[in-house]
C-alpha atoms as a PDB file:
ATOM      1  CA  UNK A   1      -9.831  27.218 -23.508  1.00  0.00           C
ATOM      2  CA  UNK A   2     -13.289  28.422 -22.519  1.00  0.00           C
ATOM      3  CA  UNK A   3     -14.609  28.774 -18.999  1.00  0.00           C
ATOM      4  CA  UNK A   4     -17.887  27.482 -17.584  1.00  0.00           C
ATOM      5  CA  UNK A   5     -19.494  27.071 -14.181  1.00  0.00           C
ATOM      6  CA  UNK A   6     -20.709  23.745 -12.800  1.00  0.00           C
ATOM      7  CA  UNK A   7     -22.937  23.163  -9.814  1.00  0.00           C
ATOM      8  CA  UNK A   8     -22.262  19.852  -8.085  1.00  0.00           C
ATOM      9  CA  UNK A   9     -23.982  18.395  -5.079  1.00  0.00           C
ATOM     10  CA  UNK A  10     -21.818  18.270  -1.970  1.00  0.00           C
ATOM     11  CA  UNK A  11     -21.154  14.537  -2.105  1.00  0.00           C
ATOM     12  CA  UNK A  12     -19.971  14.550  -5.721  1.00  0.00           C
ATOM     13  CA  UNK A  13     -17.787  17.577  -5.060  1.00  0.00           C
ATOM     14  CA  UNK A  14     -16.136  15.910  -2.020  1.00  0.00           C
ATOM     15  CA  UNK A  15     -15.498  12.759  -4.018  1.00  0.00           C
ATOM     16  CA  UNK A  16     -14.115  14.751  -6.956  1.00  0.00           C
ATOM     17  CA  UNK A  17     -11.710  16.583  -4.656  1.00  0.00           C
ATOM     18  CA  UNK A  18     -10.635  13.303  -3.030  1.00  0.00           C
ATOM     19  CA  UNK A  19      -9.815  11.698  -6.391  1.00  0.00           C
ATOM     20  CA  UNK A  20      -8.039  14.861  -7.547  1.00  0.00           C
ATOM     21  CA  UNK A  21      -5.958  14.895  -4.365  1.00  0.00           C
ATOM     22  CA  UNK A  22      -4.950  11.258  -4.838  1.00  0.00           C
ATOM     23  CA  UNK A  23      -3.957  11.873  -8.448  1.00  0.00           C
ATOM     24  CA  UNK A  24      -2.275  15.166  -7.510  1.00  0.00           C
ATOM     25  CA  UNK A  25      -4.208  17.196 -10.066  1.00  0.00           C
ATOM     26  CA  UNK A  26      -6.773  19.970  -9.867  1.00  0.00           C
ATOM     27  CA  UNK A  27     -10.439  18.942  -9.825  1.00  0.00           C
ATOM     28  CA  UNK A  28     -10.856  20.863 -13.096  1.00  0.00           C
ATOM     29  CA  UNK A  29      -8.478  18.414 -14.776  1.00  0.00           C
ATOM     30  CA  UNK A  30     -10.747  15.528 -13.820  1.00  0.00           C
ATOM     31  CA  UNK A  31     -13.830  17.379 -15.054  1.00  0.00           C
ATOM     32  CA  UNK A  32     -12.154  18.049 -18.423  1.00  0.00           C
ATOM     33  CA  UNK A  33     -11.112  14.388 -18.703  1.00  0.00           C
ATOM     34  CA  UNK A  34     -14.624  13.213 -17.854  1.00  0.00           C
ATOM     35  CA  UNK A  35     -16.198  15.536 -20.419  1.00  0.00           C
ATOM     36  CA  UNK A  36     -13.696  14.465 -23.092  1.00  0.00           C
ATOM     37  CA  UNK A  37     -14.528  10.795 -22.476  1.00  0.00           C
ATOM     38  CA  UNK A  38     -18.271  11.456 -22.492  1.00  0.00           C
ATOM     39  CA  UNK A  39     -18.167  13.470 -25.698  1.00  0.00           C
ATOM     40  CA  UNK A  40     -15.965  10.884 -27.432  1.00  0.00           C
ATOM     41  CA  UNK A  41     -18.495   8.201 -26.558  1.00  0.00           C
ATOM     42  CA  UNK A  42     -21.725  10.074 -27.266  1.00  0.00           C
ATOM     43  CA  UNK A  43     -20.950  12.622 -29.979  1.00  0.00           C
ATOM     44  CA  UNK A  44     -20.628  10.238 -32.875  1.00  0.00           C
ATOM     45  CA  UNK A  45     -21.522  11.204 -36.405  1.00  0.00           C
ATOM     46  CA  UNK A  46     -24.013   8.825 -37.888  1.00  0.00           C
ATOM     47  CA  UNK A  47     -23.546   7.939 -41.519  1.00  0.00           C
ATOM     48  CA  UNK A  48     -26.650   7.354 -43.566  1.00  0.00           C
ATOM     49  CA  UNK A  49     -27.218   3.720 -44.432  1.00  0.00           C
ATOM     50  CA  UNK A  50     -27.389   4.698 -48.085  1.00  0.00           C
ATOM     51  CA  UNK A  51     -23.731   5.766 -48.134  1.00  0.00           C
ATOM     52  CA  UNK A  52     -21.839   3.222 -50.168  1.00  0.00           C
ATOM     53  CA  UNK A  53     -25.012   1.399 -51.202  1.00  0.00           C
ATOM     54  CA  UNK A  54     -24.568   2.053 -54.933  1.00  0.00           C
ATOM     55  CA  UNK A  55     -21.686   1.443 -57.294  1.00  0.00           C
ATOM     56  CA  UNK A  56     -20.863   3.877 -60.078  1.00  0.00           C
ATOM     57  CA  UNK A  57     -18.649   1.454 -61.941  1.00  0.00           C
ATOM     58  CA  UNK A  58     -15.952   4.150 -62.014  1.00  0.00           C
ATOM     59  CA  UNK A  59     -13.006   3.416 -59.732  1.00  0.00           C
ATOM     60  CA  UNK A  60     -11.667   6.956 -60.346  1.00  0.00           C
ATOM     61  CA  UNK A  61     -14.865   8.777 -59.361  1.00  0.00           C
ATOM     62  CA  UNK A  62     -13.463  10.237 -56.130  1.00  0.00           C
ATOM     63  CA  UNK A  63     -10.274  11.456 -57.791  1.00  0.00           C
ATOM     64  CA  UNK A  64     -11.946  12.915 -60.881  1.00  0.00           C
ATOM     65  CA  UNK A  65     -15.163  14.284 -59.374  1.00  0.00           C
ATOM     66  CA  UNK A  66     -14.447  17.906 -60.335  1.00  0.00           C
ATOM     67  CA  UNK A  67     -13.608  17.019 -63.929  1.00  0.00           C
ATOM     68  CA  UNK A  68     -16.623  14.732 -64.265  1.00  0.00           C
ATOM     69  CA  UNK A  69     -18.953  17.409 -62.878  1.00  0.00           C
ATOM     70  CA  UNK A  70     -17.561  20.235 -65.012  1.00  0.00           C
ATOM     71  CA  UNK A  71     -20.473  22.034 -66.620  1.00  0.00           C
ATOM     72  CA  UNK A  72     -23.079  20.221 -64.566  1.00  0.00           C
ATOM     73  CA  UNK A  73     -26.084  22.458 -63.928  1.00  0.00           C
ATOM     74  CA  UNK A  74     -25.316  24.970 -66.657  1.00  0.00           C
ATOM     75  CA  UNK A  75     -27.704  25.695 -69.473  1.00  0.00           C
ATOM     76  CA  UNK A  76     -26.744  24.655 -72.963  1.00  0.00           C
END
């Protein structure tokens, strides 16, 4: 686990401590939970719209990719 420093205004800090006291946890636990929720919501990986847009006609393409690409890019 890494360590960081946060600066909170007095009102938010009082409220954080009050919630932590009620839940019987350290304020740091609440901060970690809040960050985990925020990151889960906002750190999504966007997939290009073109992914899955074409069909190769080969149902085994994903399983045989290495074999099908063998020699690709080499000079003859």
